[in-house]
């Protein structure tokens, strides 16, 4: 059985590694797109919106609903990518815990 001091050292090492991975993830950029790439959004890994762009074809004052739907679609696409990357990056630490 592992002694408590070794467990603490291993836990501290994993914590530092996890903090580093979280920082790398936060610095990453994720691009979400709507159908036909008419709306494109960019988020950081900590889910902060940093850019949104609209193709001219989707900007129609007579059809605001389509623009809203495509914006929502692009945002949800980016957030799903962030969630997947977070699970893949940080989920790996769950199996390494010493207890």
N, C-alpha and C. Protein backbone atom coordinates (compact mmCIF):
# COMPACT_ATOMS: atom_id res chain seq x y z
N UNK A 1 0.84 -1.19 0.00
CA UNK A 1 0.00 0.00 0.00
C UNK A 1 0.89 1.25 0.00
N UNK A 2 0.47 2.23 -0.76
CA UNK A 2 1.23 3.46 -0.89
C UNK A 2 1.10 4.29 0.38
N UNK A 3 2.21 4.83 0.85
CA UNK A 3 2.11 5.64 2.06
C UNK A 3 1.55 7.03 1.75
N UNK A 4 1.09 7.68 2.77
CA UNK A 4 0.40 8.97 2.62
C UNK A 4 1.29 10.04 1.98
N UNK A 5 2.55 10.07 2.35
CA UNK A 5 3.46 11.08 1.80
C UNK A 5 3.61 10.91 0.29
N UNK A 6 3.76 9.68 -0.18
CA UNK A 6 3.87 9.43 -1.61
C UNK A 6 2.58 9.80 -2.34
N UNK A 7 1.46 9.50 -1.70
CA UNK A 7 0.17 9.86 -2.30
C UNK A 7 0.04 11.36 -2.45
N UNK A 8 0.47 12.10 -1.45
CA UNK A 8 0.39 13.56 -1.50
C UNK A 8 1.29 14.12 -2.59
N UNK A 9 2.49 13.58 -2.71
CA UNK A 9 3.41 14.03 -3.75
C UNK A 9 2.83 13.77 -5.14
N UNK A 10 2.25 12.59 -5.31
CA UNK A 10 1.66 12.25 -6.59
C UNK A 10 0.46 13.15 -6.89
N UNK A 11 -0.35 13.42 -5.89
CA UNK A 11 -1.51 14.29 -6.07
C UNK A 11 -1.07 15.72 -6.44
N UNK A 12 -0.01 16.21 -5.79
CA UNK A 12 0.49 17.56 -6.10
C UNK A 12 1.03 17.62 -7.53
N UNK A 13 1.72 16.57 -7.94
CA UNK A 13 2.25 16.51 -9.30
C UNK A 13 1.11 16.51 -10.32
N UNK A 14 0.08 15.71 -10.06
CA UNK A 14 -1.07 15.67 -10.95
C UNK A 14 -1.80 17.01 -10.99
N UNK A 15 -1.86 17.69 -9.84
CA UNK A 15 -2.51 18.99 -9.80
C UNK A 15 -1.78 20.00 -10.67
N UNK A 16 -0.46 20.01 -10.61
CA UNK A 16 0.33 20.92 -11.44
C UNK A 16 0.14 20.61 -12.92
N UNK A 17 0.13 19.32 -13.26
CA UNK A 17 -0.07 18.93 -14.65
C UNK A 17 -1.46 19.34 -15.13
N UNK A 18 -2.44 19.16 -14.27
CA UNK A 18 -3.81 19.52 -14.62
C UNK A 18 -3.95 21.03 -14.81
N UNK A 19 -3.33 21.81 -13.94
CA UNK A 19 -3.37 23.27 -14.08
C UNK A 19 -2.72 23.71 -15.38
N UNK A 20 -1.63 23.05 -15.76
CA UNK A 20 -0.95 23.38 -17.02
C UNK A 20 -1.86 23.06 -18.20
N UNK A 21 -2.52 21.91 -18.16
CA UNK A 21 -3.43 21.53 -19.24
C UNK A 21 -4.62 22.48 -19.32
N UNK A 22 -5.12 22.92 -18.17
CA UNK A 22 -6.23 23.87 -18.15
C UNK A 22 -5.81 25.19 -18.78
N UNK A 23 -4.60 25.64 -18.48
CA UNK A 23 -4.10 26.88 -19.07
C UNK A 23 -3.95 26.74 -20.58
N UNK A 24 -3.42 25.60 -21.02
CA UNK A 24 -3.27 25.36 -22.46
C UNK A 24 -4.63 25.35 -23.13
N UNK A 25 -5.60 24.70 -22.50
CA UNK A 25 -6.95 24.63 -23.05
C UNK A 25 -7.57 26.02 -23.12
N UNK A 26 -7.40 26.82 -22.08
CA UNK A 26 -7.95 28.18 -22.07
C UNK A 26 -7.35 29.05 -23.16
N UNK A 27 -6.08 28.82 -23.49
CA UNK A 27 -5.40 29.60 -24.52
C UNK A 27 -5.75 29.13 -25.93
N UNK A 28 -6.36 27.95 -26.03
CA UNK A 28 -6.73 27.41 -27.35
C UNK A 28 -7.92 28.17 -27.93
N UNK A 29 -8.03 28.12 -29.24
CA UNK A 29 -9.16 28.75 -29.92
C UNK A 29 -10.02 27.67 -30.55
N UNK A 30 -11.33 27.85 -30.49
CA UNK A 30 -12.29 26.91 -31.07
C UNK A 30 -13.21 27.68 -31.99
N UNK A 31 -13.36 27.19 -33.19
CA UNK A 31 -14.16 27.87 -34.21
C UNK A 31 -15.42 27.05 -34.45
N UNK A 32 -16.56 27.70 -34.23
CA UNK A 32 -17.86 27.08 -34.50
C UNK A 32 -18.44 27.68 -35.76
N UNK A 33 -19.13 26.83 -36.52
CA UNK A 33 -19.68 27.29 -37.80
C UNK A 33 -21.13 26.83 -37.93
N UNK A 34 -21.90 27.66 -38.62
CA UNK A 34 -23.26 27.29 -38.96
C UNK A 34 -23.24 26.57 -40.30
N UNK A 35 -24.41 26.20 -40.74
CA UNK A 35 -24.54 25.57 -42.06
C UNK A 35 -23.92 26.48 -43.11
N UNK A 36 -23.17 25.90 -44.01
CA UNK A 36 -22.53 26.61 -45.12
C UNK A 36 -21.56 27.70 -44.65
N UNK A 37 -21.14 27.63 -43.41
CA UNK A 37 -20.18 28.60 -42.85
C UNK A 37 -20.64 30.05 -42.97
N UNK A 38 -21.95 30.26 -42.93
CA UNK A 38 -22.46 31.62 -43.07
C UNK A 38 -22.25 32.44 -41.80
N UNK A 39 -22.19 31.76 -40.66
CA UNK A 39 -21.87 32.41 -39.39
C UNK A 39 -20.71 31.63 -38.79
N UNK A 40 -19.66 32.35 -38.40
CA UNK A 40 -18.48 31.72 -37.82
C UNK A 40 -18.15 32.45 -36.53
N UNK A 41 -18.00 31.67 -35.45
CA UNK A 41 -17.66 32.25 -34.15
C UNK A 41 -16.36 31.63 -33.65
N UNK A 42 -15.63 32.40 -32.86
CA UNK A 42 -14.40 31.90 -32.26
C UNK A 42 -14.47 32.12 -30.76
N UNK A 43 -14.18 31.05 -30.02
CA UNK A 43 -14.17 31.07 -28.57
C UNK A 43 -12.79 30.66 -28.07
N UNK A 44 -12.47 31.10 -26.87
CA UNK A 44 -11.30 30.56 -26.20
C UNK A 44 -11.75 29.28 -25.48
N UNK A 45 -10.79 28.51 -25.01
CA UNK A 45 -11.11 27.27 -24.33
C UNK A 45 -11.87 27.44 -23.03
N UNK A 46 -11.87 28.64 -22.48
CA UNK A 46 -12.65 28.89 -21.27
C UNK A 46 -14.00 29.54 -21.61
N UNK A 47 -14.44 29.31 -22.84
CA UNK A 47 -15.77 29.68 -23.33
C UNK A 47 -16.03 31.18 -23.39
N UNK A 48 -15.02 31.94 -23.75
CA UNK A 48 -15.20 33.38 -23.96
C UNK A 48 -15.25 33.64 -25.47
N UNK A 49 -16.30 34.31 -25.90
CA UNK A 49 -16.47 34.64 -27.31
C UNK A 49 -15.48 35.74 -27.67
N UNK A 50 -14.65 35.51 -28.70
CA UNK A 50 -13.67 36.51 -29.09
C UNK A 50 -13.92 37.08 -30.49
N UNK A 51 -14.72 36.37 -31.29
CA UNK A 51 -14.99 36.88 -32.63
C UNK A 51 -16.26 36.23 -33.17
N UNK A 52 -16.98 37.02 -33.95
CA UNK A 52 -18.15 36.51 -34.67
C UNK A 52 -18.18 37.19 -36.02
N UNK A 53 -18.39 36.39 -37.06
CA UNK A 53 -18.46 36.99 -38.39
C UNK A 53 -19.64 36.42 -39.16
N UNK A 54 -20.20 37.27 -40.00
CA UNK A 54 -21.37 36.91 -40.78
C UNK A 54 -21.04 37.06 -42.26
N UNK A 55 -21.41 36.07 -43.04
CA UNK A 55 -21.29 36.18 -44.49
C UNK A 55 -22.39 37.14 -44.95
N UNK A 56 -22.08 37.89 -45.98
CA UNK A 56 -23.03 38.87 -46.47
C UNK A 56 -24.37 38.24 -46.82
N UNK A 57 -24.35 37.02 -47.32
CA UNK A 57 -25.57 36.36 -47.76
C UNK A 57 -26.57 36.11 -46.64
N UNK A 58 -26.10 36.04 -45.41
CA UNK A 58 -27.00 35.73 -44.30
C UNK A 58 -27.59 36.99 -43.66
N UNK A 59 -27.08 38.15 -43.99
CA UNK A 59 -27.55 39.40 -43.40
C UNK A 59 -28.70 39.95 -44.25
N UNK A 60 -29.91 39.65 -43.80
CA UNK A 60 -31.12 40.07 -44.51
C UNK A 60 -32.06 40.69 -43.48
N UNK A 61 -32.26 42.00 -43.55
CA UNK A 61 -33.12 42.66 -42.57
C UNK A 61 -34.55 42.10 -42.53
N UNK A 62 -34.95 41.45 -43.60
CA UNK A 62 -36.30 40.88 -43.66
C UNK A 62 -36.36 39.49 -43.01
N UNK A 63 -35.19 38.91 -42.68
CA UNK A 63 -35.16 37.55 -42.15
C UNK A 63 -34.17 37.45 -40.98
N UNK A 64 -34.47 38.12 -39.91
CA UNK A 64 -33.62 38.12 -38.73
C UNK A 64 -33.58 36.73 -38.08
N UNK A 65 -34.67 35.98 -38.17
CA UNK A 65 -34.74 34.66 -37.53
C UNK A 65 -33.65 33.71 -38.05
N UNK A 66 -33.40 33.73 -39.34
CA UNK A 66 -32.36 32.86 -39.90
C UNK A 66 -31.00 33.24 -39.34
N UNK A 67 -30.72 34.51 -39.25
CA UNK A 67 -29.45 34.97 -38.69
C UNK A 67 -29.32 34.53 -37.24
N UNK A 68 -30.39 34.66 -36.47
CA UNK A 68 -30.38 34.23 -35.08
C UNK A 68 -30.14 32.72 -34.97
N UNK A 69 -30.84 31.94 -35.79
CA UNK A 69 -30.69 30.49 -35.76
C UNK A 69 -29.27 30.07 -36.12
N UNK A 70 -28.71 30.69 -37.14
CA UNK A 70 -27.35 30.34 -37.56
C UNK A 70 -26.32 30.76 -36.53
N UNK A 71 -26.55 31.89 -35.87
CA UNK A 71 -25.64 32.32 -34.81
C UNK A 71 -25.67 31.33 -33.65
N UNK A 72 -26.85 30.92 -33.26
CA UNK A 72 -27.00 29.92 -32.20
C UNK A 72 -26.32 28.61 -32.60
N UNK A 73 -26.50 28.19 -33.84
CA UNK A 73 -25.89 26.96 -34.32
C UNK A 73 -24.36 27.03 -34.25
N UNK A 74 -23.79 28.14 -34.67
CA UNK A 74 -22.33 28.30 -34.64
C UNK A 74 -21.80 28.32 -33.21
N UNK A 75 -22.50 29.01 -32.32
CA UNK A 75 -22.07 29.08 -30.92
C UNK A 75 -22.13 27.69 -30.28
N UNK A 76 -23.23 26.98 -30.51
CA UNK A 76 -23.35 25.64 -29.93
C UNK A 76 -22.30 24.69 -30.49
N UNK A 77 -21.92 24.85 -31.75
CA UNK A 77 -20.88 24.03 -32.36
C UNK A 77 -19.54 24.26 -31.64
N UNK A 78 -19.20 25.52 -31.42
CA UNK A 78 -17.94 25.84 -30.75
C UNK A 78 -17.93 25.33 -29.31
N UNK A 79 -19.02 25.51 -28.60
CA UNK A 79 -19.09 25.07 -27.21
C UNK A 79 -18.99 23.55 -27.12
N UNK A 80 -19.61 22.85 -28.04
CA UNK A 80 -19.50 21.38 -28.05
C UNK A 80 -18.05 20.96 -28.27
N UNK A 81 -17.33 21.67 -29.12
CA UNK A 81 -15.91 21.37 -29.35
C UNK A 81 -15.09 21.61 -28.07
N UNK A 82 -15.38 22.69 -27.39
CA UNK A 82 -14.68 23.01 -26.14
C UNK A 82 -14.95 21.92 -25.09
N UNK A 83 -16.22 21.54 -24.96
CA UNK A 83 -16.58 20.51 -23.98
C UNK A 83 -15.87 19.19 -24.29
N UNK A 84 -15.83 18.83 -25.56
CA UNK A 84 -15.16 17.59 -25.97
C UNK A 84 -13.67 17.65 -25.67
N UNK A 85 -13.03 18.77 -26.00
CA UNK A 85 -11.60 18.92 -25.74
C UNK A 85 -11.31 18.92 -24.25
N UNK A 86 -12.17 19.56 -23.47
CA UNK A 86 -12.01 19.59 -22.02
C UNK A 86 -12.11 18.18 -21.44
N UNK A 87 -13.11 17.44 -21.88
CA UNK A 87 -13.27 16.07 -21.39
C UNK A 87 -12.07 15.21 -21.76
N UNK A 88 -11.61 15.36 -23.00
CA UNK A 88 -10.47 14.56 -23.46
C UNK A 88 -9.20 14.94 -22.71
N UNK A 89 -8.98 16.23 -22.50
CA UNK A 89 -7.76 16.71 -21.85
C UNK A 89 -7.75 16.48 -20.35
N UNK A 90 -8.82 16.86 -19.70
CA UNK A 90 -8.84 16.80 -18.24
C UNK A 90 -9.42 15.49 -17.71
N UNK A 91 -10.23 14.83 -18.50
CA UNK A 91 -10.80 13.55 -18.08
C UNK A 91 -9.73 12.49 -17.88
N UNK A 92 -8.62 12.62 -18.59
CA UNK A 92 -7.54 11.65 -18.47
C UNK A 92 -6.94 11.66 -17.06
N UNK A 93 -7.07 12.77 -16.36
CA UNK A 93 -6.50 12.85 -15.01
C UNK A 93 -7.29 12.03 -13.99
N UNK A 94 -8.55 11.78 -14.26
CA UNK A 94 -9.39 11.06 -13.29
C UNK A 94 -8.82 9.66 -12.99
N UNK A 95 -8.30 9.00 -14.00
CA UNK A 95 -7.76 7.67 -13.78
C UNK A 95 -6.40 7.65 -13.14
N UNK A 96 -5.76 8.81 -13.00
CA UNK A 96 -4.41 8.88 -12.45
C UNK A 96 -4.37 9.27 -10.99
N UNK A 97 -5.52 9.54 -10.41
CA UNK A 97 -5.55 9.95 -9.01
C UNK A 97 -5.07 8.81 -8.12
N UNK A 98 -4.24 9.12 -7.14
CA UNK A 98 -3.64 8.07 -6.31
C UNK A 98 -4.56 7.50 -5.23
N UNK A 99 -5.80 7.88 -5.22
CA UNK A 99 -6.71 7.37 -4.19
C UNK A 99 -8.01 6.96 -4.79
